[in-house]
Amino acid sequence: MRKLLAVGVVSLLASVMSPYSFAVDTKSDATIKSDMTVASVEQQVKTLLKKFQPQEAMSKFASDFPANASEGLRAIYKESSGSDLAALVVAAFQSAPENALSIANVALELGLDPTLLPELALAANIDPTIIAQATAAGGPLGQQPIINRRVRGSGISQS
């Protein structure tokens, strides 16, 4: 009976304490890197631009923070006036190919000619059909014109 009671108490304590014993921060490095704010992106970019040329800074930023590569592109282009946007896009594509579509969208917002995107994607060994999603509407995704349609009924006339 005492063994049964002891096992019951131990299992009860284990079940009560288990949520607390594993209460540690389980964020991975990738999650932490993707939680960057715009201010921290800009600060990181300023630090990189002190050490590297814009294209090298873009490569470094995109490899260190791939989830924020598009915001890094925006910040580097803003901070380094006169830099070649196409070269920055290729550097971002090469360092963060998994985020090519968001990089392409920001590049279009910054004024890159949409006809250059497939060529830049090929230069970075990225399938240009991925980038075609950004250029199909002639501009960045999310800024497509909204089509207002009037619903006129089911289209089936009653006889």
N, C-alpha and C. Protein backbone atom coordinates (compact mmCIF):
# COMPACT_ATOMS: atom_id res chain seq x y z
N MET A 1 0.82 -1.18 0.00
CA MET A 1 0.00 0.00 0.00
C MET A 1 0.87 1.25 0.00
N ARG A 2 1.97 1.21 0.83
CA ARG A 2 2.85 2.37 0.88
C ARG A 2 3.56 2.59 -0.45
N LYS A 3 3.95 1.49 -1.11
CA LYS A 3 4.59 1.62 -2.41
C LYS A 3 3.63 2.25 -3.41
N LEU A 4 2.39 1.83 -3.39
CA LEU A 4 1.39 2.36 -4.30
C LEU A 4 1.18 3.85 -4.03
N LEU A 5 1.11 4.23 -2.76
CA LEU A 5 0.94 5.63 -2.38
C LEU A 5 2.16 6.45 -2.79
N ALA A 6 3.35 5.91 -2.59
CA ALA A 6 4.58 6.61 -2.95
C ALA A 6 4.66 6.81 -4.47
N VAL A 7 4.31 5.78 -5.23
CA VAL A 7 4.31 5.89 -6.69
C VAL A 7 3.28 6.92 -7.14
N GLY A 8 2.13 6.93 -6.50
CA GLY A 8 1.08 7.90 -6.83
C GLY A 8 1.52 9.32 -6.56
N VAL A 9 2.18 9.56 -5.41
CA VAL A 9 2.66 10.90 -5.07
C VAL A 9 3.75 11.34 -6.04
N VAL A 10 4.67 10.45 -6.35
CA VAL A 10 5.76 10.78 -7.27
C VAL A 10 5.20 11.10 -8.66
N SER A 11 4.26 10.31 -9.15
CA SER A 11 3.69 10.57 -10.47
C SER A 11 2.88 11.86 -10.47
N LEU A 12 2.20 12.15 -9.36
CA LEU A 12 1.45 13.39 -9.25
C LEU A 12 2.39 14.59 -9.26
N LEU A 13 3.47 14.49 -8.48
CA LEU A 13 4.45 15.57 -8.47
C LEU A 13 5.10 15.74 -9.84
N ALA A 14 5.39 14.65 -10.50
CA ALA A 14 6.01 14.72 -11.82
C ALA A 14 5.08 15.40 -12.83
N SER A 15 3.79 15.07 -12.75
CA SER A 15 2.85 15.67 -13.70
C SER A 15 2.63 17.15 -13.40
N VAL A 16 2.67 17.53 -12.13
CA VAL A 16 2.49 18.94 -11.76
C VAL A 16 3.74 19.74 -12.09
N MET A 17 4.89 19.17 -11.86
CA MET A 17 6.14 19.90 -12.05
C MET A 17 6.63 19.89 -13.49
N SER A 18 6.15 18.98 -14.34
CA SER A 18 6.70 18.86 -15.69
C SER A 18 6.55 20.14 -16.51
N PRO A 19 5.45 20.86 -16.46
CA PRO A 19 5.41 22.08 -17.26
C PRO A 19 6.43 23.11 -16.79
N TYR A 20 6.74 23.12 -15.49
CA TYR A 20 7.67 24.10 -14.96
C TYR A 20 9.12 23.71 -15.18
N SER A 21 9.38 22.43 -15.20
CA SER A 21 10.76 22.00 -15.36
C SER A 21 11.26 22.22 -16.79
N PHE A 22 10.35 22.34 -17.74
CA PHE A 22 10.75 22.56 -19.12
C PHE A 22 10.47 23.98 -19.57
N ALA A 23 10.28 24.89 -18.65
CA ALA A 23 9.98 26.28 -19.00
C ALA A 23 11.26 27.02 -19.34
N VAL A 24 11.79 26.72 -20.51
CA VAL A 24 12.97 27.41 -21.02
C VAL A 24 12.61 28.02 -22.35
N ASP A 25 13.39 28.98 -22.77
CA ASP A 25 13.14 29.63 -24.06
C ASP A 25 13.54 28.68 -25.16
N THR A 26 12.56 28.24 -25.94
CA THR A 26 12.81 27.25 -26.98
C THR A 26 12.92 27.87 -28.36
N LYS A 27 13.04 29.19 -28.44
CA LYS A 27 13.18 29.83 -29.74
C LYS A 27 14.50 29.42 -30.38
N SER A 28 14.43 29.05 -31.62
CA SER A 28 15.65 28.71 -32.33
C SER A 28 16.31 30.00 -32.83
N ASP A 29 17.53 29.88 -33.31
CA ASP A 29 18.22 31.05 -33.85
C ASP A 29 17.46 31.63 -35.03
N ALA A 30 16.87 30.77 -35.86
CA ALA A 30 16.13 31.26 -37.02
C ALA A 30 14.91 32.08 -36.60
N THR A 31 14.22 31.63 -35.53
CA THR A 31 13.07 32.38 -35.04
C THR A 31 13.50 33.72 -34.48
N ILE A 32 14.57 33.73 -33.75
CA ILE A 32 15.06 34.97 -33.18
C ILE A 32 15.46 35.93 -34.29
N LYS A 33 16.13 35.41 -35.31
CA LYS A 33 16.56 36.26 -36.41
C LYS A 33 15.38 36.80 -37.20
N SER A 34 14.28 36.07 -37.27
CA SER A 34 13.13 36.54 -38.04
C SER A 34 12.28 37.54 -37.27
N ASP A 35 12.56 37.72 -35.97
CA ASP A 35 11.79 38.64 -35.16
C ASP A 35 12.37 40.05 -35.17
N MET A 36 13.24 40.38 -36.10
CA MET A 36 13.88 41.69 -36.13
C MET A 36 12.86 42.77 -36.45
N THR A 37 13.01 43.89 -35.80
CA THR A 37 12.16 45.04 -36.11
C THR A 37 12.84 45.85 -37.20
N VAL A 38 12.09 46.77 -37.78
CA VAL A 38 12.65 47.63 -38.82
C VAL A 38 13.83 48.42 -38.27
N ALA A 39 13.71 48.90 -37.03
CA ALA A 39 14.80 49.67 -36.41
C ALA A 39 16.05 48.82 -36.25
N SER A 40 15.89 47.57 -35.84
CA SER A 40 17.07 46.72 -35.68
C SER A 40 17.66 46.33 -37.02
N VAL A 41 16.83 46.19 -38.06
CA VAL A 41 17.34 45.94 -39.41
C VAL A 41 18.19 47.12 -39.85
N GLU A 42 17.67 48.33 -39.66
CA GLU A 42 18.40 49.53 -40.07
C GLU A 42 19.71 49.67 -39.30
N GLN A 43 19.68 49.36 -38.02
CA GLN A 43 20.90 49.44 -37.20
C GLN A 43 21.94 48.43 -37.67
N GLN A 44 21.49 47.21 -37.95
CA GLN A 44 22.40 46.17 -38.43
C GLN A 44 22.99 46.56 -39.78
N VAL A 45 22.17 47.14 -40.64
CA VAL A 45 22.63 47.57 -41.97
C VAL A 45 23.68 48.67 -41.84
N LYS A 46 23.44 49.64 -40.97
CA LYS A 46 24.41 50.72 -40.77
C LYS A 46 25.75 50.17 -40.30
N THR A 47 25.70 49.20 -39.41
CA THR A 47 26.94 48.57 -38.92
C THR A 47 27.66 47.86 -40.05
N LEU A 48 26.93 47.12 -40.87
CA LEU A 48 27.54 46.39 -41.98
C LEU A 48 28.13 47.33 -43.02
N LEU A 49 27.44 48.44 -43.29
CA LEU A 49 27.91 49.37 -44.32
C LEU A 49 29.18 50.11 -43.88
N LYS A 50 29.45 50.14 -42.59
CA LYS A 50 30.71 50.72 -42.11
C LYS A 50 31.89 49.81 -42.44
N LYS A 51 31.62 48.51 -42.54
CA LYS A 51 32.69 47.53 -42.75
C LYS A 51 32.78 47.05 -44.20
N PHE A 52 31.65 47.03 -44.92
CA PHE A 52 31.60 46.41 -46.24
C PHE A 52 31.00 47.35 -47.28
N GLN A 53 31.28 47.06 -48.53
CA GLN A 53 30.61 47.73 -49.65
C GLN A 53 29.15 47.26 -49.67
N PRO A 54 28.24 48.03 -50.30
CA PRO A 54 26.81 47.66 -50.25
C PRO A 54 26.50 46.23 -50.70
N GLN A 55 27.11 45.77 -51.78
CA GLN A 55 26.81 44.42 -52.27
C GLN A 55 27.28 43.36 -51.27
N GLU A 56 28.45 43.55 -50.68
CA GLU A 56 28.95 42.62 -49.67
C GLU A 56 28.10 42.67 -48.40
N ALA A 57 27.67 43.88 -48.04
CA ALA A 57 26.81 44.03 -46.86
C ALA A 57 25.48 43.31 -47.09
N MET A 58 24.95 43.39 -48.31
CA MET A 58 23.69 42.71 -48.62
C MET A 58 23.87 41.20 -48.51
N SER A 59 24.96 40.68 -49.03
CA SER A 59 25.22 39.24 -48.94
C SER A 59 25.33 38.80 -47.49
N LYS A 60 26.07 39.55 -46.70
CA LYS A 60 26.26 39.21 -45.29
C LYS A 60 24.94 39.28 -44.53
N PHE A 61 24.17 40.36 -44.74
CA PHE A 61 22.90 40.51 -44.03
C PHE A 61 21.94 39.39 -44.40
N ALA A 62 21.81 39.11 -45.70
CA ALA A 62 20.87 38.08 -46.16
C ALA A 62 21.27 36.69 -45.69
N SER A 63 22.60 36.41 -45.57
CA SER A 63 22.98 35.09 -45.06
C SER A 63 22.77 34.99 -43.56
N ASP A 64 22.98 36.09 -42.84
CA ASP A 64 22.78 36.06 -41.39
C ASP A 64 21.31 36.11 -41.00
N PHE A 65 20.51 36.83 -41.77
CA PHE A 65 19.09 37.02 -41.45
C PHE A 65 18.23 36.77 -42.70
N PRO A 66 18.18 35.54 -43.21
CA PRO A 66 17.47 35.28 -44.46
C PRO A 66 15.99 35.66 -44.43
N ALA A 67 15.35 35.53 -43.28
CA ALA A 67 13.93 35.88 -43.19
C ALA A 67 13.70 37.38 -43.35
N ASN A 68 14.74 38.17 -43.13
CA ASN A 68 14.63 39.62 -43.23
C ASN A 68 15.41 40.18 -44.41
N ALA A 69 15.73 39.33 -45.38
CA ALA A 69 16.54 39.76 -46.52
C ALA A 69 15.87 40.88 -47.31
N SER A 70 14.56 40.82 -47.46
CA SER A 70 13.88 41.87 -48.24
C SER A 70 13.95 43.21 -47.52
N GLU A 71 13.79 43.21 -46.20
CA GLU A 71 13.90 44.47 -45.45
C GLU A 71 15.34 44.95 -45.43
N GLY A 72 16.28 44.02 -45.42
CA GLY A 72 17.69 44.39 -45.51
C GLY A 72 17.99 45.06 -46.84
N LEU A 73 17.41 44.53 -47.92
CA LEU A 73 17.57 45.13 -49.24
C LEU A 73 17.05 46.57 -49.24
N ARG A 74 15.89 46.76 -48.67
CA ARG A 74 15.29 48.10 -48.61
C ARG A 74 16.20 49.06 -47.84
N ALA A 75 16.69 48.62 -46.69
CA ALA A 75 17.52 49.47 -45.84
C ALA A 75 18.88 49.77 -46.48
N ILE A 76 19.50 48.77 -47.08
CA ILE A 76 20.81 48.98 -47.70
C ILE A 76 20.69 49.90 -48.89
N TYR A 77 19.65 49.73 -49.69
CA TYR A 77 19.46 50.61 -50.85
C TYR A 77 19.20 52.05 -50.40
N LYS A 78 18.46 52.19 -49.33
CA LYS A 78 18.17 53.52 -48.78
C LYS A 78 19.43 54.19 -48.22
N GLU A 79 20.23 53.42 -47.49
CA GLU A 79 21.42 53.96 -46.83
C GLU A 79 22.58 54.23 -47.80
N SER A 80 22.66 53.44 -48.85
CA SER A 80 23.79 53.58 -49.78
C SER A 80 23.29 54.15 -51.10
N SER A 81 23.08 55.44 -51.12
CA SER A 81 22.57 56.09 -52.33
C SER A 81 23.56 55.90 -53.47
N GLY A 82 23.02 55.65 -54.62
CA GLY A 82 23.85 55.44 -55.79
C GLY A 82 24.30 54.01 -56.00
N SER A 83 23.93 53.11 -55.11
CA SER A 83 24.34 51.71 -55.29
C SER A 83 23.47 51.07 -56.37
N ASP A 84 24.01 50.05 -56.99
CA ASP A 84 23.33 49.35 -58.08
C ASP A 84 22.28 48.41 -57.50
N LEU A 85 21.01 48.74 -57.72
CA LEU A 85 19.91 47.94 -57.17
C LEU A 85 19.94 46.51 -57.71
N ALA A 86 20.25 46.35 -58.99
CA ALA A 86 20.29 45.01 -59.58
C ALA A 86 21.36 44.15 -58.92
N ALA A 87 22.52 44.73 -58.64
CA ALA A 87 23.59 43.98 -57.98
C ALA A 87 23.19 43.60 -56.55
N LEU A 88 22.50 44.51 -55.86
CA LEU A 88 22.02 44.20 -54.51
C LEU A 88 21.00 43.06 -54.53
N VAL A 89 20.13 43.07 -55.54
CA VAL A 89 19.10 42.03 -55.66
C VAL A 89 19.76 40.67 -55.91
N VAL A 90 20.75 40.63 -56.78
CA VAL A 90 21.45 39.36 -57.04
C VAL A 90 22.12 38.86 -55.76
N ALA A 91 22.75 39.76 -55.01
CA ALA A 91 23.40 39.36 -53.76
C ALA A 91 22.38 38.81 -52.77
N ALA A 92 21.22 39.45 -52.70
CA ALA A 92 20.15 38.97 -51.79
C ALA A 92 19.62 37.63 -52.26
N PHE A 93 19.39 37.48 -53.57
CA PHE A 93 18.92 36.21 -54.12
C PHE A 93 19.90 35.09 -53.80
N GLN A 94 21.20 35.34 -53.99
CA GLN A 94 22.19 34.30 -53.77
C GLN A 94 22.29 33.90 -52.30
N SER A 95 22.12 34.86 -51.41
CA SER A 95 22.28 34.57 -49.98
C SER A 95 21.02 34.06 -49.30
N ALA A 96 19.85 34.40 -49.87
CA ALA A 96 18.58 33.97 -49.27
C ALA A 96 17.61 33.54 -50.37
N PRO A 97 17.94 32.48 -51.12
CA PRO A 97 17.09 32.08 -52.24
C PRO A 97 15.69 31.65 -51.82
N GLU A 98 15.54 31.20 -50.58
CA GLU A 98 14.22 30.77 -50.12
C GLU A 98 13.25 31.95 -49.96
N ASN A 99 13.77 33.16 -49.97
CA ASN A 99 12.93 34.36 -49.85
C ASN A 99 12.97 35.20 -51.12
N ALA A 100 13.20 34.55 -52.25
CA ALA A 100 13.34 35.26 -53.51
C ALA A 100 12.11 36.08 -53.87
N LEU A 101 10.93 35.56 -53.60
CA LEU A 101 9.71 36.28 -53.98
C LEU A 101 9.57 37.58 -53.19
N SER A 102 9.82 37.55 -51.89
CA SER A 102 9.71 38.78 -51.10
C SER A 102 10.81 39.77 -51.48
N ILE A 103 11.98 39.27 -51.81
CA ILE A 103 13.08 40.14 -52.27
C ILE A 103 12.68 40.80 -53.58
N ALA A 104 12.09 40.02 -54.49
CA ALA A 104 11.65 40.56 -55.78
C ALA A 104 10.59 41.63 -55.59
N ASN A 105 9.66 41.41 -54.69
CA ASN A 105 8.61 42.40 -54.43
C ASN A 105 9.19 43.72 -53.94
N VAL A 106 10.15 43.65 -53.02
CA VAL A 106 10.77 44.87 -52.50
C VAL A 106 11.58 45.55 -53.60
N ALA A 107 12.26 44.76 -54.41
CA ALA A 107 13.04 45.33 -55.52
C ALA A 107 12.13 46.10 -56.47
N LEU A 108 10.96 45.57 -56.75
CA LEU A 108 10.00 46.27 -57.61
C LEU A 108 9.50 47.54 -56.95
N GLU A 109 9.26 47.48 -55.65
CA GLU A 109 8.84 48.68 -54.92
C GLU A 109 9.91 49.77 -54.98
N LEU A 110 11.18 49.35 -54.98
CA LEU A 110 12.28 50.30 -55.01
C LEU A 110 12.56 50.84 -56.42
N GLY A 111 11.83 50.33 -57.41
CA GLY A 111 11.94 50.87 -58.76
C GLY A 111 12.70 50.02 -59.76
N LEU A 112 13.00 48.78 -59.44
CA LEU A 112 13.69 47.91 -60.39
C LEU A 112 12.77 47.60 -61.56
N ASP A 113 13.32 47.61 -62.75
CA ASP A 113 12.56 47.27 -63.95
C ASP A 113 12.12 45.81 -63.87
N PRO A 114 10.81 45.53 -63.94
CA PRO A 114 10.32 44.15 -63.80
C PRO A 114 10.88 43.18 -64.82
N THR A 115 11.29 43.68 -65.99
CA THR A 115 11.82 42.78 -67.01
C THR A 115 13.21 42.26 -66.63
N LEU A 116 13.87 42.90 -65.68
CA LEU A 116 15.20 42.45 -65.24
C LEU A 116 15.14 41.29 -64.24
N LEU A 117 14.02 41.14 -63.55
CA LEU A 117 13.96 40.14 -62.48
C LEU A 117 14.26 38.71 -62.92
N PRO A 118 13.68 38.21 -64.01
CA PRO A 118 14.02 36.83 -64.41
C PRO A 118 15.52 36.65 -64.70
N GLU A 119 16.13 37.65 -65.33
CA GLU A 119 17.56 37.59 -65.63
C GLU A 119 18.40 37.59 -64.33
N LEU A 120 17.99 38.41 -63.37
CA LEU A 120 18.70 38.45 -62.09
C LEU A 120 18.52 37.14 -61.32
N ALA A 121 17.34 36.56 -61.43
CA ALA A 121 17.09 35.27 -60.78
C ALA A 121 17.98 34.19 -61.37
N LEU A 122 18.09 34.16 -62.69
CA LEU A 122 18.97 33.18 -63.34
C LEU A 122 20.42 33.38 -62.93
N ALA A 123 20.84 34.64 -62.80
CA ALA A 123 22.22 34.93 -62.39
C ALA A 123 22.49 34.39 -60.99
N ALA A 124 21.44 34.28 -60.17
CA ALA A 124 21.58 33.77 -58.81
C ALA A 124 21.19 32.30 -58.70
N ASN A 125 21.03 31.61 -59.84
CA ASN A 125 20.63 30.19 -59.86
C ASN A 125 19.28 29.94 -59.21
N ILE A 126 18.35 30.85 -59.46
CA ILE A 126 16.98 30.71 -58.95
C ILE A 126 16.06 30.51 -60.14
N ASP A 127 15.10 29.63 -60.00
CA ASP A 127 14.12 29.39 -61.04
C ASP A 127 13.33 30.68 -61.30
N PRO A 128 13.41 31.22 -62.51
CA PRO A 128 12.73 32.49 -62.78
C PRO A 128 11.21 32.42 -62.72
N THR A 129 10.65 31.22 -62.74
CA THR A 129 9.19 31.13 -62.63
C THR A 129 8.72 31.51 -61.23
N ILE A 130 9.60 31.39 -60.24
CA ILE A 130 9.25 31.84 -58.89
C ILE A 130 9.09 33.35 -58.90
N ILE A 131 9.98 34.02 -59.58
CA ILE A 131 9.96 35.48 -59.65
C ILE A 131 8.82 35.96 -60.53
N ALA A 132 8.38 35.12 -61.47
CA ALA A 132 7.29 35.52 -62.37
C ALA A 132 6.02 35.86 -61.62
N GLN A 133 5.83 35.30 -60.43
CA GLN A 133 4.65 35.63 -59.62
C GLN A 133 4.66 37.11 -59.26
N ALA A 134 5.84 37.66 -59.02
CA ALA A 134 5.93 39.08 -58.65
C ALA A 134 5.76 39.98 -59.85
N THR A 135 6.19 39.53 -61.02
CA THR A 135 6.14 40.39 -62.20
C THR A 135 4.87 40.21 -63.02
N ALA A 136 4.09 39.18 -62.77
CA ALA A 136 2.90 38.90 -63.58
C ALA A 136 1.90 40.05 -63.55
N ALA A 137 1.77 40.69 -62.40
CA ALA A 137 0.82 41.80 -62.28
C ALA A 137 1.47 43.13 -62.62
N GLY A 138 2.75 43.09 -62.99
CA GLY A 138 3.42 44.33 -63.35
C GLY A 138 3.93 45.10 -62.15
N GLY A 139 3.92 44.51 -61.01
CA GLY A 139 4.40 45.20 -59.82
C GLY A 139 4.39 44.28 -58.63
N PRO A 140 4.67 44.84 -57.47
CA PRO A 140 4.74 44.01 -56.27
C PRO A 140 3.40 43.38 -55.91
N LEU A 141 3.48 42.20 -55.34
CA LEU A 141 2.27 41.54 -54.88
C LEU A 141 1.65 42.36 -53.76
N GLY A 142 0.36 42.30 -53.65
CA GLY A 142 -0.33 43.04 -52.61
C GLY A 142 -0.68 44.45 -53.02
N GLN A 143 -0.18 44.89 -54.17
CA GLN A 143 -0.50 46.22 -54.66
C GLN A 143 -1.22 46.14 -56.00
N GLN A 144 -1.84 45.03 -56.24
CA GLN A 144 -2.57 44.85 -57.47
C GLN A 144 -3.89 45.60 -57.38
N PRO A 145 -4.38 46.09 -58.51
CA PRO A 145 -5.66 46.80 -58.44
C PRO A 145 -6.77 45.85 -58.05
N ILE A 146 -7.70 46.36 -57.28
CA ILE A 146 -8.83 45.56 -56.84
C ILE A 146 -9.91 45.66 -57.90
N ILE A 147 -10.41 44.54 -58.33
CA ILE A 147 -11.46 44.52 -59.34
C ILE A 147 -12.79 44.44 -58.61
N ASN A 148 -13.60 45.45 -58.80
CA ASN A 148 -14.92 45.46 -58.18
C ASN A 148 -15.90 44.84 -59.17
N ARG A 149 -16.46 43.75 -58.78
CA ARG A 149 -17.43 43.06 -59.63
C ARG A 149 -18.80 43.16 -58.99
N ARG A 150 -19.75 43.36 -59.82
CA ARG A 150 -21.13 43.39 -59.34
C ARG A 150 -21.73 42.03 -59.56
N VAL A 151 -22.31 41.51 -58.54
CA VAL A 151 -22.98 40.21 -58.65
C VAL A 151 -24.38 40.47 -59.18
N ARG A 152 -24.71 39.84 -60.27
CA ARG A 152 -26.01 40.08 -60.90
C ARG A 152 -26.97 38.92 -60.75
N GLY A 153 -26.64 38.01 -59.94
CA GLY A 153 -27.50 36.83 -59.79
C GLY A 153 -26.74 35.58 -60.11
N SER A 154 -27.43 34.50 -60.21
CA SER A 154 -26.78 33.21 -60.41
C SER A 154 -26.42 32.95 -61.86
N GLY A 155 -27.00 33.72 -62.78
CA GLY A 155 -26.75 33.49 -64.20
C GLY A 155 -27.69 32.48 -64.80
N ILE A 156 -28.55 31.91 -64.00
CA ILE A 156 -29.52 30.94 -64.48
C ILE A 156 -30.88 31.63 -64.48
N SER A 157 -31.45 31.72 -65.65
CA SER A 157 -32.75 32.39 -65.72
C SER A 157 -33.85 31.39 -65.37
N GLN A 158 -34.85 31.91 -64.69
CA GLN A 158 -35.98 31.06 -64.33
C GLN A 158 -36.98 31.09 -65.47
N SER A 159 -37.48 29.95 -65.86
CA SER A 159 -38.45 29.93 -66.96
C SER A 159 -39.80 29.51 -66.50
